[in-house]
N, C-alpha and C. Protein backbone atom coordinates (compact mmCIF):
# COMPACT_ATOMS: atom_id res chain seq x y z
N MET A 1 -35.20 33.48 6.45
CA MET A 1 -34.52 32.96 5.29
C MET A 1 -35.46 31.98 4.60
N THR A 2 -35.53 32.05 3.29
CA THR A 2 -36.42 31.17 2.54
C THR A 2 -35.84 29.76 2.48
N ARG A 3 -36.68 28.81 2.18
CA ARG A 3 -36.21 27.42 2.05
C ARG A 3 -35.20 27.30 0.92
N PHE A 4 -35.45 28.02 -0.15
CA PHE A 4 -34.53 27.98 -1.29
C PHE A 4 -33.14 28.48 -0.89
N ALA A 5 -33.08 29.61 -0.20
CA ALA A 5 -31.80 30.17 0.22
C ALA A 5 -31.09 29.23 1.18
N LEU A 6 -31.83 28.63 2.09
CA LEU A 6 -31.24 27.69 3.03
C LEU A 6 -30.71 26.46 2.30
N SER A 7 -31.47 25.95 1.34
CA SER A 7 -31.02 24.80 0.55
C SER A 7 -29.77 25.12 -0.24
N LEU A 8 -29.72 26.32 -0.79
CA LEU A 8 -28.56 26.74 -1.56
C LEU A 8 -27.32 26.82 -0.67
N LEU A 9 -27.47 27.39 0.51
CA LEU A 9 -26.34 27.46 1.44
C LEU A 9 -25.84 26.09 1.84
N ILE A 10 -26.73 25.17 2.08
CA ILE A 10 -26.34 23.80 2.45
C ILE A 10 -25.62 23.13 1.28
N ALA A 11 -26.13 23.31 0.08
CA ALA A 11 -25.50 22.71 -1.10
C ALA A 11 -24.09 23.26 -1.31
N LEU A 12 -23.92 24.56 -1.14
CA LEU A 12 -22.60 25.16 -1.30
C LEU A 12 -21.64 24.68 -0.22
N ALA A 13 -22.11 24.55 0.99
CA ALA A 13 -21.26 24.06 2.08
C ALA A 13 -20.82 22.63 1.82
N CYS A 14 -21.71 21.81 1.32
CA CYS A 14 -21.37 20.43 1.02
C CYS A 14 -20.38 20.35 -0.14
N ALA A 15 -20.53 21.19 -1.13
CA ALA A 15 -19.60 21.20 -2.26
C ALA A 15 -18.22 21.59 -1.80
N GLY A 16 -18.10 22.56 -0.92
CA GLY A 16 -16.80 22.96 -0.39
C GLY A 16 -16.15 21.86 0.40
N THR A 17 -16.93 21.12 1.16
CA THR A 17 -16.41 20.01 1.95
C THR A 17 -15.89 18.92 1.03
N ALA A 18 -16.62 18.62 -0.03
CA ALA A 18 -16.20 17.57 -0.94
C ALA A 18 -14.87 17.94 -1.60
N GLN A 19 -14.70 19.19 -1.99
CA GLN A 19 -13.46 19.61 -2.61
C GLN A 19 -12.29 19.51 -1.64
N ALA A 20 -12.50 19.80 -0.39
CA ALA A 20 -11.43 19.77 0.60
C ALA A 20 -10.96 18.35 0.85
N GLN A 21 -11.74 17.35 0.43
CA GLN A 21 -11.37 15.97 0.67
C GLN A 21 -11.03 15.25 -0.62
N CYS A 22 -10.25 15.89 -1.45
CA CYS A 22 -9.80 15.30 -2.70
C CYS A 22 -8.29 15.07 -2.62
N TYR A 23 -7.87 13.93 -3.10
CA TYR A 23 -6.46 13.57 -3.08
C TYR A 23 -6.04 13.08 -4.45
N ALA A 24 -4.76 13.24 -4.76
CA ALA A 24 -4.23 12.78 -6.04
C ALA A 24 -3.03 11.88 -5.79
N GLU A 25 -2.93 10.82 -6.57
CA GLU A 25 -1.71 10.02 -6.56
C GLU A 25 -0.95 10.40 -7.82
N TYR A 26 0.36 10.57 -7.68
CA TYR A 26 1.16 11.11 -8.78
C TYR A 26 2.55 10.48 -8.80
N LYS A 27 3.26 10.72 -9.90
CA LYS A 27 4.66 10.34 -10.04
C LYS A 27 5.44 11.61 -10.38
N ALA A 28 6.64 11.72 -9.80
CA ALA A 28 7.49 12.89 -10.03
C ALA A 28 8.94 12.46 -10.15
N LYS A 29 9.78 13.36 -10.68
CA LYS A 29 11.21 13.05 -10.84
C LYS A 29 12.07 14.26 -10.52
N LYS A 30 13.33 13.97 -10.23
CA LYS A 30 14.41 14.96 -10.15
C LYS A 30 15.54 14.44 -11.02
N ASP A 31 16.25 15.35 -11.65
CA ASP A 31 17.38 14.97 -12.50
C ASP A 31 18.70 15.22 -11.77
N ALA A 32 19.75 14.57 -12.28
CA ALA A 32 21.15 14.79 -11.87
C ALA A 32 21.39 14.65 -10.37
N PRO A 33 21.38 13.50 -9.84
CA PRO A 33 21.07 12.20 -10.44
C PRO A 33 19.56 11.98 -10.51
N LEU A 34 19.18 11.08 -11.41
CA LEU A 34 17.77 10.79 -11.59
C LEU A 34 17.19 10.16 -10.33
N ARG A 35 16.10 10.74 -9.85
CA ARG A 35 15.35 10.20 -8.71
C ARG A 35 13.88 10.26 -9.06
N LEU A 36 13.16 9.21 -8.72
CA LEU A 36 11.73 9.13 -9.00
C LEU A 36 10.98 8.92 -7.68
N HIS A 37 9.78 9.42 -7.60
CA HIS A 37 8.95 9.08 -6.45
C HIS A 37 7.47 9.03 -6.82
N TYR A 38 6.76 8.24 -6.04
CA TYR A 38 5.31 8.12 -6.11
C TYR A 38 4.80 8.80 -4.85
N GLY A 39 3.78 9.63 -4.98
CA GLY A 39 3.26 10.32 -3.81
C GLY A 39 1.76 10.49 -3.84
N VAL A 40 1.24 10.93 -2.71
CA VAL A 40 -0.17 11.25 -2.54
C VAL A 40 -0.24 12.65 -1.97
N ALA A 41 -1.06 13.50 -2.56
CA ALA A 41 -1.19 14.89 -2.11
C ALA A 41 -2.66 15.28 -2.03
N GLN A 42 -2.96 16.16 -1.09
CA GLN A 42 -4.32 16.69 -0.98
C GLN A 42 -4.48 17.81 -2.00
N ILE A 43 -5.63 17.83 -2.66
CA ILE A 43 -5.93 18.82 -3.69
C ILE A 43 -7.08 19.69 -3.19
N GLY A 44 -6.94 21.00 -3.32
CA GLY A 44 -7.96 21.91 -2.82
C GLY A 44 -8.96 22.37 -3.86
N GLY A 45 -8.64 22.21 -5.14
CA GLY A 45 -9.54 22.67 -6.18
C GLY A 45 -10.50 21.58 -6.61
N ALA A 46 -10.91 21.64 -7.86
CA ALA A 46 -11.81 20.63 -8.40
C ALA A 46 -11.13 19.26 -8.35
N CYS A 47 -11.92 18.25 -8.13
CA CYS A 47 -11.36 16.90 -7.95
C CYS A 47 -11.34 16.16 -9.29
N ASP A 48 -10.43 16.59 -10.17
CA ASP A 48 -10.21 15.90 -11.44
C ASP A 48 -8.73 15.98 -11.76
N THR A 49 -8.26 15.13 -12.66
CA THR A 49 -6.81 15.04 -12.91
C THR A 49 -6.24 16.33 -13.50
N GLY A 50 -7.01 17.03 -14.33
CA GLY A 50 -6.52 18.28 -14.90
C GLY A 50 -6.27 19.33 -13.84
N SER A 51 -7.23 19.51 -12.95
CA SER A 51 -7.08 20.48 -11.86
C SER A 51 -5.96 20.06 -10.91
N ALA A 52 -5.87 18.77 -10.63
CA ALA A 52 -4.82 18.26 -9.75
C ALA A 52 -3.45 18.52 -10.36
N THR A 53 -3.32 18.34 -11.66
CA THR A 53 -2.05 18.59 -12.35
C THR A 53 -1.67 20.06 -12.24
N ARG A 54 -2.61 20.95 -12.49
CA ARG A 54 -2.34 22.39 -12.42
C ARG A 54 -1.99 22.83 -10.99
N GLU A 55 -2.58 22.21 -10.01
CA GLU A 55 -2.30 22.58 -8.63
C GLU A 55 -1.01 21.97 -8.09
N LEU A 56 -0.75 20.74 -8.46
CA LEU A 56 0.38 20.01 -7.90
C LEU A 56 1.72 20.34 -8.56
N ALA A 57 1.72 20.61 -9.86
CA ALA A 57 2.98 20.89 -10.58
C ALA A 57 3.79 22.02 -9.94
N PRO A 58 3.20 23.18 -9.64
CA PRO A 58 3.99 24.24 -9.01
C PRO A 58 4.50 23.89 -7.61
N ARG A 59 3.71 23.14 -6.86
CA ARG A 59 4.15 22.72 -5.52
C ARG A 59 5.41 21.87 -5.61
N LEU A 60 5.40 20.94 -6.55
CA LEU A 60 6.57 20.07 -6.72
C LEU A 60 7.76 20.84 -7.28
N THR A 61 7.51 21.69 -8.27
CA THR A 61 8.58 22.49 -8.87
C THR A 61 9.29 23.34 -7.83
N ALA A 62 8.56 23.89 -6.89
CA ALA A 62 9.14 24.72 -5.84
C ALA A 62 10.14 23.93 -4.98
N GLN A 63 10.01 22.62 -4.97
CA GLN A 63 10.92 21.77 -4.20
C GLN A 63 11.92 21.02 -5.09
N GLY A 64 12.00 21.42 -6.37
CA GLY A 64 12.97 20.83 -7.29
C GLY A 64 12.51 19.57 -8.00
N TRP A 65 11.25 19.21 -7.87
CA TRP A 65 10.70 18.03 -8.52
C TRP A 65 9.92 18.43 -9.77
N THR A 66 9.83 17.52 -10.73
CA THR A 66 9.02 17.70 -11.93
C THR A 66 7.88 16.69 -11.90
N LEU A 67 6.67 17.16 -12.01
CA LEU A 67 5.51 16.27 -12.06
C LEU A 67 5.53 15.51 -13.37
N LEU A 68 5.48 14.19 -13.29
CA LEU A 68 5.42 13.38 -14.49
C LEU A 68 3.98 13.07 -14.87
N GLN A 69 3.17 12.70 -13.87
CA GLN A 69 1.80 12.31 -14.17
C GLN A 69 0.96 12.28 -12.90
N VAL A 70 -0.25 12.78 -12.99
CA VAL A 70 -1.25 12.53 -11.95
C VAL A 70 -1.96 11.26 -12.40
N GLN A 71 -1.84 10.22 -11.60
CA GLN A 71 -2.41 8.93 -11.98
C GLN A 71 -3.92 8.87 -11.76
N SER A 72 -4.36 9.41 -10.64
CA SER A 72 -5.79 9.40 -10.35
C SER A 72 -6.10 10.37 -9.23
N VAL A 73 -7.35 10.70 -9.08
CA VAL A 73 -7.84 11.49 -7.95
C VAL A 73 -8.89 10.65 -7.23
N PHE A 74 -9.01 10.86 -5.92
CA PHE A 74 -9.90 10.02 -5.12
C PHE A 74 -10.25 10.75 -3.83
N GLY A 75 -11.19 10.21 -3.10
CA GLY A 75 -11.60 10.77 -1.83
C GLY A 75 -10.86 10.13 -0.67
N PRO A 76 -11.22 10.48 0.55
CA PRO A 76 -10.51 9.98 1.73
C PRO A 76 -10.58 8.46 1.88
N GLU A 77 -11.55 7.84 1.25
CA GLU A 77 -11.66 6.38 1.35
C GLU A 77 -10.48 5.66 0.71
N GLY A 78 -9.71 6.32 -0.15
CA GLY A 78 -8.58 5.68 -0.81
C GLY A 78 -7.24 5.96 -0.16
N LEU A 79 -7.21 6.71 0.91
CA LEU A 79 -5.93 7.10 1.54
C LEU A 79 -5.18 5.92 2.14
N ASP A 80 -5.83 5.13 2.96
CA ASP A 80 -5.14 4.05 3.69
C ASP A 80 -4.45 3.07 2.76
N GLN A 81 -5.08 2.72 1.66
CA GLN A 81 -4.50 1.73 0.76
C GLN A 81 -3.27 2.26 0.02
N ARG A 82 -3.05 3.57 0.01
CA ARG A 82 -1.91 4.15 -0.71
C ARG A 82 -0.79 4.63 0.22
N LYS A 83 -1.03 4.64 1.51
CA LYS A 83 -0.09 5.21 2.46
C LYS A 83 1.27 4.51 2.43
N ASP A 84 1.29 3.20 2.47
CA ASP A 84 2.57 2.48 2.47
C ASP A 84 3.34 2.69 1.17
N SER A 85 2.64 2.69 0.04
CA SER A 85 3.31 2.87 -1.26
C SER A 85 3.93 4.25 -1.39
N ALA A 86 3.27 5.27 -0.84
CA ALA A 86 3.77 6.64 -0.95
C ALA A 86 4.91 6.91 0.04
N GLY A 87 4.97 6.19 1.13
CA GLY A 87 6.07 6.35 2.09
C GLY A 87 6.24 7.79 2.55
N GLN A 88 7.46 8.30 2.41
CA GLN A 88 7.76 9.67 2.86
C GLN A 88 7.07 10.74 2.03
N TYR A 89 6.48 10.36 0.90
CA TYR A 89 5.79 11.34 0.04
C TYR A 89 4.27 11.26 0.21
N TYR A 90 3.83 10.68 1.30
CA TYR A 90 2.41 10.62 1.63
C TYR A 90 2.00 11.94 2.24
N LEU A 91 1.18 12.70 1.52
CA LEU A 91 0.68 14.02 1.94
C LEU A 91 1.81 15.01 2.23
N ARG A 92 2.95 14.85 1.58
CA ARG A 92 4.09 15.76 1.76
C ARG A 92 3.93 17.05 0.97
N PHE A 93 3.40 16.96 -0.24
CA PHE A 93 3.28 18.14 -1.11
C PHE A 93 1.85 18.56 -1.27
């Protein structure tokens, strides 16, 4: 295997690992009666708010929730500081 091919394989493997470690903090609601929640979810696609919105909205909808907003995306270093705030919605969806 050439050095170039080996470098390419390593770069692709690292890119896949980075994507697997993306998380989004979001707000969602349910109507009748109105219920709101703040949550943290792992995102498998690109680590940006647009991709997180497209990925998370159907997950929430399937459980009767409506995504209001993806507030931010972050890596594993931001998980601990958000765990208490997300409560039961920490990595639930």
